[in-house]
Amino acid sequence: MAQTRFYKGNSSYTSDILYTWDGKSLYKGNSSYSSDIILNISGNRVYRGRSSYSSDILYNMDGPIPLPILIMIL
């Protein structure tokens, strides 16, 4: 699966990666380790970290969430 990386400012250096998005989870920096998941999407819910427990639901949506909106949630 392709990953999208978000860089600080006008940089494209690996050391300036703020977030990595794999289509389901948002990771800290250039990571793809499950321990670095900031939030994840399952169905129409956004969860804190790698959790899928109802107590960790941050947002519930009635449609797909655009990636720029997801970043603004942070």
PDB file of N, CA and C in Angstrom:
ATOM      1  N   MET A   1       0.842  -1.173   0.000  1.00  0.00           N
ATOM      2  CA  MET A   1       0.000   0.000   0.000  1.00  0.00           C
ATOM      3  C   MET A   1       0.894   1.245   0.000  1.00  0.00           C
ATOM      4  N   ALA A   2       0.544   2.209  -0.794  1.00  0.00           N
ATOM      5  CA  ALA A   2       1.311   3.459  -0.860  1.00  0.00           C
ATOM      6  C   ALA A   2       1.110   4.276   0.410  1.00  0.00           C
ATOM      7  N   GLN A   3       2.166   4.981   0.776  1.00  0.00           N
ATOM      8  CA  GLN A   3       2.095   5.826   1.958  1.00  0.00           C
ATOM      9  C   GLN A   3       2.239   7.285   1.551  1.00  0.00           C
ATOM     10  N   THR A   4       1.538   8.139   2.274  1.00  0.00           N
ATOM     11  CA  THR A   4       1.634   9.577   2.079  1.00  0.00           C
ATOM     12  C   THR A   4       2.354  10.147   3.281  1.00  0.00           C
ATOM     13  N   ARG A   5       3.347  10.985   3.018  1.00  0.00           N
ATOM     14  CA  ARG A   5       4.113  11.590   4.108  1.00  0.00           C
ATOM     15  C   ARG A   5       3.877  13.090   4.130  1.00  0.00           C
ATOM     16  N   PHE A   6       3.806  13.639   5.334  1.00  0.00           N
ATOM     17  CA  PHE A   6       3.601  15.067   5.541  1.00  0.00           C
ATOM     18  C   PHE A   6       4.879  15.648   6.124  1.00  0.00           C
ATOM     19  N   TYR A   7       5.446  16.620   5.411  1.00  0.00           N
ATOM     20  CA  TYR A   7       6.718  17.208   5.803  1.00  0.00           C
ATOM     21  C   TYR A   7       6.532  18.563   6.463  1.00  0.00           C
ATOM     22  N   LYS A   8       7.499  18.929   7.260  1.00  0.00           N
ATOM     23  CA  LYS A   8       7.516  20.235   7.899  1.00  0.00           C
ATOM     24  C   LYS A   8       7.928  21.280   6.863  1.00  0.00           C
ATOM     25  N   GLY A   9       7.146  22.346   6.741  1.00  0.00           N
ATOM     26  CA  GLY A   9       7.475  23.455   5.844  1.00  0.00           C
ATOM     27  C   GLY A   9       7.646  23.019   4.400  1.00  0.00           C
ATOM     28  N   ASN A  10       8.676  23.554   3.752  1.00  0.00           N
ATOM     29  CA  ASN A  10       8.941  23.293   2.341  1.00  0.00           C
ATOM     30  C   ASN A  10       9.949  22.160   2.161  1.00  0.00           C
ATOM     31  N   SER A  11      10.178  21.383   3.182  1.00  0.00           N
ATOM     32  CA  SER A  11      11.190  20.336   3.181  1.00  0.00           C
ATOM     33  C   SER A  11      10.697  19.055   2.542  1.00  0.00           C
ATOM     34  N   SER A  12      11.630  18.270   2.050  1.00  0.00           N
ATOM     35  CA  SER A  12      11.311  16.914   1.613  1.00  0.00           C
ATOM     36  C   SER A  12      12.346  15.937   2.172  1.00  0.00           C
ATOM     37  N   TYR A  13      13.022  16.343   3.234  1.00  0.00           N
ATOM     38  CA  TYR A  13      13.999  15.493   3.905  1.00  0.00           C
ATOM     39  C   TYR A  13      13.298  14.512   4.835  1.00  0.00           C
ATOM     40  N   THR A  14      13.803  13.309   4.887  1.00  0.00           N
ATOM     41  CA  THR A  14      13.239  12.278   5.751  1.00  0.00           C
ATOM     42  C   THR A  14      13.177  12.734   7.207  1.00  0.00           C
ATOM     43  N   SER A  15      14.160  13.491   7.632  1.00  0.00           N
ATOM     44  CA  SER A  15      14.190  13.938   9.031  1.00  0.00           C
ATOM     45  C   SER A  15      13.097  14.963   9.343  1.00  0.00           C
ATOM     46  N   ASP A  16      12.456  15.518   8.315  1.00  0.00           N
ATOM     47  CA  ASP A  16      11.402  16.516   8.507  1.00  0.00           C
ATOM     48  C   ASP A  16       9.997  15.960   8.309  1.00  0.00           C
ATOM     49  N   ILE A  17       9.858  14.638   8.270  1.00  0.00           N
ATOM     50  CA  ILE A  17       8.528  14.038   8.130  1.00  0.00           C
ATOM     51  C   ILE A  17       7.793  14.140   9.457  1.00  0.00           C
ATOM     52  N   LEU A  18       6.627  14.762   9.425  1.00  0.00           N
ATOM     53  CA  LEU A  18       5.805  14.905  10.623  1.00  0.00           C
ATOM     54  C   LEU A  18       4.889  13.704  10.822  1.00  0.00           C
ATOM     55  N   TYR A  19       4.242  13.264   9.729  1.00  0.00           N
ATOM     56  CA  TYR A  19       3.272  12.174   9.793  1.00  0.00           C
ATOM     57  C   TYR A  19       3.389  11.291   8.560  1.00  0.00           C
ATOM     58  N   THR A  20       2.994  10.027   8.718  1.00  0.00           N
ATOM     59  CA  THR A  20       2.887   9.083   7.607  1.00  0.00           C
ATOM     60  C   THR A  20       1.484   8.498   7.644  1.00  0.00           C
ATOM     61  N   TRP A  21       0.818   8.511   6.513  1.00  0.00           N
ATOM     62  CA  TRP A  21      -0.552   8.016   6.387  1.00  0.00           C
ATOM     63  C   TRP A  21      -0.548   6.816   5.454  1.00  0.00           C
ATOM     64  N   ASP A  22      -1.128   5.693   5.865  1.00  0.00           N
ATOM     65  CA  ASP A  22      -1.162   4.504   5.016  1.00  0.00           C
ATOM     66  C   ASP A  22      -2.566   4.187   4.494  1.00  0.00           C
ATOM     67  N   GLY A  23      -3.476   5.118   4.666  1.00  0.00           N
ATOM     68  CA  GLY A  23      -4.850   4.909   4.195  1.00  0.00           C
ATOM     69  C   GLY A  23      -5.789   4.453   5.287  1.00  0.00           C
ATOM     70  N   LYS A  24      -5.233   3.982   6.389  1.00  0.00           N
ATOM     71  CA  LYS A  24      -6.041   3.550   7.528  1.00  0.00           C
ATOM     72  C   LYS A  24      -5.550   4.156   8.830  1.00  0.00           C
ATOM     73  N   SER A  25      -4.226   4.296   8.964  1.00  0.00           N
ATOM     74  CA  SER A  25      -3.633   4.788  10.205  1.00  0.00           C
ATOM     75  C   SER A  25      -2.701   5.962   9.938  1.00  0.00           C
ATOM     76  N   LEU A  26      -2.641   6.862  10.910  1.00  0.00           N
ATOM     77  CA  LEU A  26      -1.733   8.001  10.867  1.00  0.00           C
ATOM     78  C   LEU A  26      -0.641   7.751  11.900  1.00  0.00           C
ATOM     79  N   TYR A  27       0.608   7.785  11.447  1.00  0.00           N
ATOM     80  CA  TYR A  27       1.766   7.475  12.285  1.00  0.00           C
ATOM     81  C   TYR A  27       2.583   8.723  12.592  1.00  0.00           C
ATOM     82  N   LYS A  28       3.313   8.691  13.700  1.00  0.00           N
ATOM     83  CA  LYS A  28       4.259   9.750  14.023  1.00  0.00           C
ATOM     84  C   LYS A  28       5.459   9.625  13.096  1.00  0.00           C
ATOM     85  N   GLY A  29       5.897  10.751  12.543  1.00  0.00           N
ATOM     86  CA  GLY A  29       7.117  10.777  11.736  1.00  0.00           C
ATOM     87  C   GLY A  29       7.093   9.834  10.554  1.00  0.00           C
ATOM     88  N   ASN A  30       8.241   9.206  10.299  1.00  0.00           N
ATOM     89  CA  ASN A  30       8.408   8.312   9.156  1.00  0.00           C
ATOM     90  C   ASN A  30       8.168   6.855   9.549  1.00  0.00           C
ATOM     91  N   SER A  31       7.443   6.631  10.602  1.00  0.00           N
ATOM     92  CA  SER A  31       7.243   5.292  11.142  1.00  0.00           C
ATOM     93  C   SER A  31       6.091   4.560  10.460  1.00  0.00           C
ATOM     94  N   SER A  32       6.148   3.238  10.537  1.00  0.00           N
ATOM     95  CA  SER A  32       4.996   2.417  10.167  1.00  0.00           C
ATOM     96  C   SER A  32       4.799   1.326  11.222  1.00  0.00           C
ATOM     97  N   TYR A  33       5.354   1.564  12.422  1.00  0.00           N
ATOM     98  CA  TYR A  33       5.198   0.636  13.536  1.00  0.00           C
ATOM     99  C   TYR A  33       3.877   0.890  14.250  1.00  0.00           C
ATOM    100  N   SER A  34       3.226  -0.169  14.667  1.00  0.00           N
ATOM    101  CA  SER A  34       1.920  -0.029  15.314  1.00  0.00           C
ATOM    102  C   SER A  34       2.008   0.790  16.600  1.00  0.00           C
ATOM    103  N   SER A  35       3.142   0.777  17.268  1.00  0.00           N
ATOM    104  CA  SER A  35       3.275   1.555  18.508  1.00  0.00           C
ATOM    105  C   SER A  35       3.328   3.060  18.242  1.00  0.00           C
ATOM    106  N   ASP A  36       3.527   3.471  16.982  1.00  0.00           N
ATOM    107  CA  ASP A  36       3.594   4.890  16.622  1.00  0.00           C
ATOM    108  C   ASP A  36       2.313   5.412  15.981  1.00  0.00           C
ATOM    109  N   ILE A  37       1.237   4.632  16.029  1.00  0.00           N
ATOM    110  CA  ILE A  37      -0.036   5.075  15.453  1.00  0.00           C
ATOM    111  C   ILE A  37      -0.648   6.157  16.336  1.00  0.00           C
ATOM    112  N   ILE A  38      -0.954   7.297  15.737  1.00  0.00           N
ATOM    113  CA  ILE A  38      -1.588   8.413  16.440  1.00  0.00           C
ATOM    114  C   ILE A  38      -3.097   8.207  16.455  1.00  0.00           C
ATOM    115  N   LEU A  39      -3.639   7.825  15.306  1.00  0.00           N
ATOM    116  CA  LEU A  39      -5.067   7.533  15.196  1.00  0.00           C
ATOM    117  C   LEU A  39      -5.282   6.598  14.031  1.00  0.00           C
ATOM    118  N   ASN A  40      -6.433   5.936  14.031  1.00  0.00           N
ATOM    119  CA  ASN A  40      -6.769   5.041  12.932  1.00  0.00           C
ATOM    120  C   ASN A  40      -8.252   5.159  12.626  1.00  0.00           C
ATOM    121  N   ILE A  41      -8.586   4.786  11.411  1.00  0.00           N
ATOM    122  CA  ILE A  41      -9.978   4.841  10.964  1.00  0.00           C
ATOM    123  C   ILE A  41     -10.458   3.427  10.705  1.00  0.00           C
ATOM    124  N   SER A  42     -11.609   3.118  11.239  1.00  0.00           N
ATOM    125  CA  SER A  42     -12.258   1.844  10.992  1.00  0.00           C
ATOM    126  C   SER A  42     -13.736   2.123  10.763  1.00  0.00           C
ATOM    127  N   GLY A  43     -14.177   1.800   9.582  1.00  0.00           N
ATOM    128  CA  GLY A  43     -15.566   2.109   9.232  1.00  0.00           C
ATOM    129  C   GLY A  43     -15.773   3.605   9.212  1.00  0.00           C
ATOM    130  N   ASN A  44     -16.723   4.081   9.972  1.00  0.00           N
ATOM    131  CA  ASN A  44     -17.004   5.526  10.008  1.00  0.00           C
ATOM    132  C   ASN A  44     -16.540   6.145  11.328  1.00  0.00           C
ATOM    133  N   ARG A  45     -15.562   5.513  11.967  1.00  0.00           N
ATOM    134  CA  ARG A  45     -15.081   6.026  13.255  1.00  0.00           C
ATOM    135  C   ARG A  45     -13.584   6.292  13.215  1.00  0.00           C
ATOM    136  N   VAL A  46     -13.179   7.340  13.925  1.00  0.00           N
ATOM    137  CA  VAL A  46     -11.767   7.655  14.110  1.00  0.00           C
ATOM    138  C   VAL A  46     -11.419   7.321  15.552  1.00  0.00           C
ATOM    139  N   TYR A  47     -10.417   6.470  15.729  1.00  0.00           N
ATOM    140  CA  TYR A  47     -10.015   6.000  17.048  1.00  0.00           C
ATOM    141  C   TYR A  47      -8.669   6.592  17.469  1.00  0.00           C
ATOM    142  N   ARG A  48      -8.478   6.740  18.741  1.00  0.00           N
ATOM    143  CA  ARG A  48      -7.207   7.176  19.313  1.00  0.00           C
ATOM    144  C   ARG A  48      -6.209   6.017  19.228  1.00  0.00           C
ATOM    145  N   GLY A  49      -5.000   6.311  18.759  1.00  0.00           N
ATOM    146  CA  GLY A  49      -3.956   5.292  18.678  1.00  0.00           C
ATOM    147  C   GLY A  49      -4.346   4.124  17.805  1.00  0.00           C
ATOM    148  N   ARG A  50      -3.911   2.937  18.207  1.00  0.00           N
ATOM    149  CA  ARG A  50      -4.238   1.747  17.414  1.00  0.00           C
ATOM    150  C   ARG A  50      -5.463   1.019  17.952  1.00  0.00           C
ATOM    151  N   SER A  51      -6.181   1.647  18.863  1.00  0.00           N
ATOM    152  CA  SER A  51      -7.333   1.054  19.513  1.00  0.00           C
ATOM    153  C   SER A  51      -8.531   0.933  18.577  1.00  0.00           C
ATOM    154  N   SER A  52      -9.425   0.010  18.905  1.00  0.00           N
ATOM    155  CA  SER A  52     -10.726  -0.057  18.229  1.00  0.00           C
ATOM    156  C   SER A  52     -11.835  -0.218  19.269  1.00  0.00           C
ATOM    157  N   TYR A  53     -11.526   0.192  20.509  1.00  0.00           N
ATOM    158  CA  TYR A  53     -12.513   0.143  21.585  1.00  0.00           C
ATOM    159  C   TYR A  53     -13.422   1.359  21.522  1.00  0.00           C
ATOM    160  N   SER A  54     -14.672   1.175  21.879  1.00  0.00           N
ATOM    161  CA  SER A  54     -15.628   2.281  21.822  1.00  0.00           C
ATOM    162  C   SER A  54     -15.222   3.442  22.722  1.00  0.00           C
ATOM    163  N   SER A  55     -14.514   3.165  23.798  1.00  0.00           N
ATOM    164  CA  SER A  55     -14.082   4.250  24.693  1.00  0.00           C
ATOM    165  C   SER A  55     -12.977   5.101  24.082  1.00  0.00           C
ATOM    166  N   ASP A  56     -12.374   4.648  22.984  1.00  0.00           N
ATOM    167  CA  ASP A  56     -11.309   5.395  22.316  1.00  0.00           C
ATOM    168  C   ASP A  56     -11.754   6.053  21.019  1.00  0.00           C
ATOM    169  N   ILE A  57     -13.064   6.123  20.787  1.00  0.00           N
ATOM    170  CA  ILE A  57     -13.566   6.791  19.587  1.00  0.00           C
ATOM    171  C   ILE A  57     -13.407   8.297  19.771  1.00  0.00           C
ATOM    172  N   LEU A  58     -12.692   8.919  18.823  1.00  0.00           N
ATOM    173  CA  LEU A  58     -12.534  10.375  18.839  1.00  0.00           C
ATOM    174  C   LEU A  58     -13.648  11.055  18.060  1.00  0.00           C
ATOM    175  N   TYR A  59     -14.011  10.471  16.920  1.00  0.00           N
ATOM    176  CA  TYR A  59     -15.023  11.054  16.034  1.00  0.00           C
ATOM    177  C   TYR A  59     -15.821   9.948  15.374  1.00  0.00           C
ATOM    178  N   ASN A  60     -17.064  10.227  15.100  1.00  0.00           N
ATOM    179  CA  ASN A  60     -17.942   9.343  14.371  1.00  0.00           C
ATOM    180  C   ASN A  60     -18.435  10.125  13.159  1.00  0.00           C
ATOM    181  N   MET A  61     -18.359   9.534  11.986  1.00  0.00           N
ATOM    182  CA  MET A  61     -18.691  10.249  10.752  1.00  0.00           C
ATOM    183  C   MET A  61     -19.863   9.574  10.052  1.00  0.00           C
ATOM    184  N   ASP A  62     -20.537  10.339   9.206  1.00  0.00           N
ATOM    185  CA  ASP A  62     -21.604   9.727   8.421  1.00  0.00           C
ATOM    186  C   ASP A  62     -21.188   9.562   6.964  1.00  0.00           C
ATOM    187  N   GLY A  63     -19.916   9.717   6.687  1.00  0.00           N
ATOM    188  CA  GLY A  63     -19.357   9.528   5.351  1.00  0.00           C
ATOM    189  C   GLY A  63     -17.849   9.481   5.440  1.00  0.00           C
ATOM    190  N   PRO A  64     -17.179   9.305   4.293  1.00  0.00           N
ATOM    191  CA  PRO A  64     -15.726   9.250   4.310  1.00  0.00           C
ATOM    192  C   PRO A  64     -15.117  10.589   4.732  1.00  0.00           C
ATOM    193  N   ILE A  65     -13.994  10.523   5.403  1.00  0.00           N
ATOM    194  CA  ILE A  65     -13.328  11.735   5.869  1.00  0.00           C
ATOM    195  C   ILE A  65     -12.162  12.071   4.936  1.00  0.00           C
ATOM    196  N   PRO A  66     -12.124  13.292   4.424  1.00  0.00           N
ATOM    197  CA  PRO A  66     -11.001  13.677   3.567  1.00  0.00           C
ATOM    198  C   PRO A  66      -9.727  13.789   4.399  1.00  0.00           C
ATOM    199  N   LEU A  67      -8.605  13.383   3.837  1.00  0.00           N
ATOM    200  CA  LEU A  67      -7.338  13.408   4.550  1.00  0.00           C
ATOM    201  C   LEU A  67      -6.970  14.777   5.104  1.00  0.00           C
ATOM    202  N   PRO A  68      -7.168  15.877   4.388  1.00  0.00           N
ATOM    203  CA  PRO A  68      -6.834  17.188   4.991  1.00  0.00           C
ATOM    204  C   PRO A  68      -7.634  17.472   6.267  1.00  0.00           C
ATOM    205  N   ILE A  69      -8.865  17.046   6.330  1.00  0.00           N
ATOM    206  CA  ILE A  69      -9.667  17.225   7.531  1.00  0.00           C
ATOM    207  C   ILE A  69      -9.114  16.364   8.658  1.00  0.00           C
ATOM    208  N   LEU A  70      -8.685  15.170   8.332  1.00  0.00           N
ATOM    209  CA  LEU A  70      -8.094  14.286   9.314  1.00  0.00           C
ATOM    210  C   LEU A  70      -6.875  14.948   9.970  1.00  0.00           C
ATOM    211  N   ILE A  71      -6.030  15.563   9.183  1.00  0.00           N
ATOM    212  CA  ILE A  71      -4.848  16.240   9.711  1.00  0.00           C
ATOM    213  C   ILE A  71      -5.259  17.419  10.601  1.00  0.00           C
ATOM    214  N   MET A  72      -6.299  18.126  10.246  1.00  0.00           N
ATOM    215  CA  MET A  72      -6.752  19.272  11.053  1.00  0.00           C
ATOM    216  C   MET A  72      -7.264  18.819  12.414  1.00  0.00           C
ATOM    217  N   ILE A  73      -7.717  17.573  12.511  1.00  0.00           N
ATOM    218  CA  ILE A  73      -8.212  17.034  13.775  1.00  0.00           C
ATOM    219  C   ILE A  73      -7.104  17.023  14.825  1.00  0.00           C
ATOM    220  N   LEU A  74      -5.886  16.802  14.364  1.00  0.00           N
ATOM    221  CA  LEU A  74      -4.764  16.723  15.290  1.00  0.00           C
ATOM    222  C   LEU A  74      -4.614  18.048  15.973  1.00  0.00           C
TER     223      LEU A  74
END
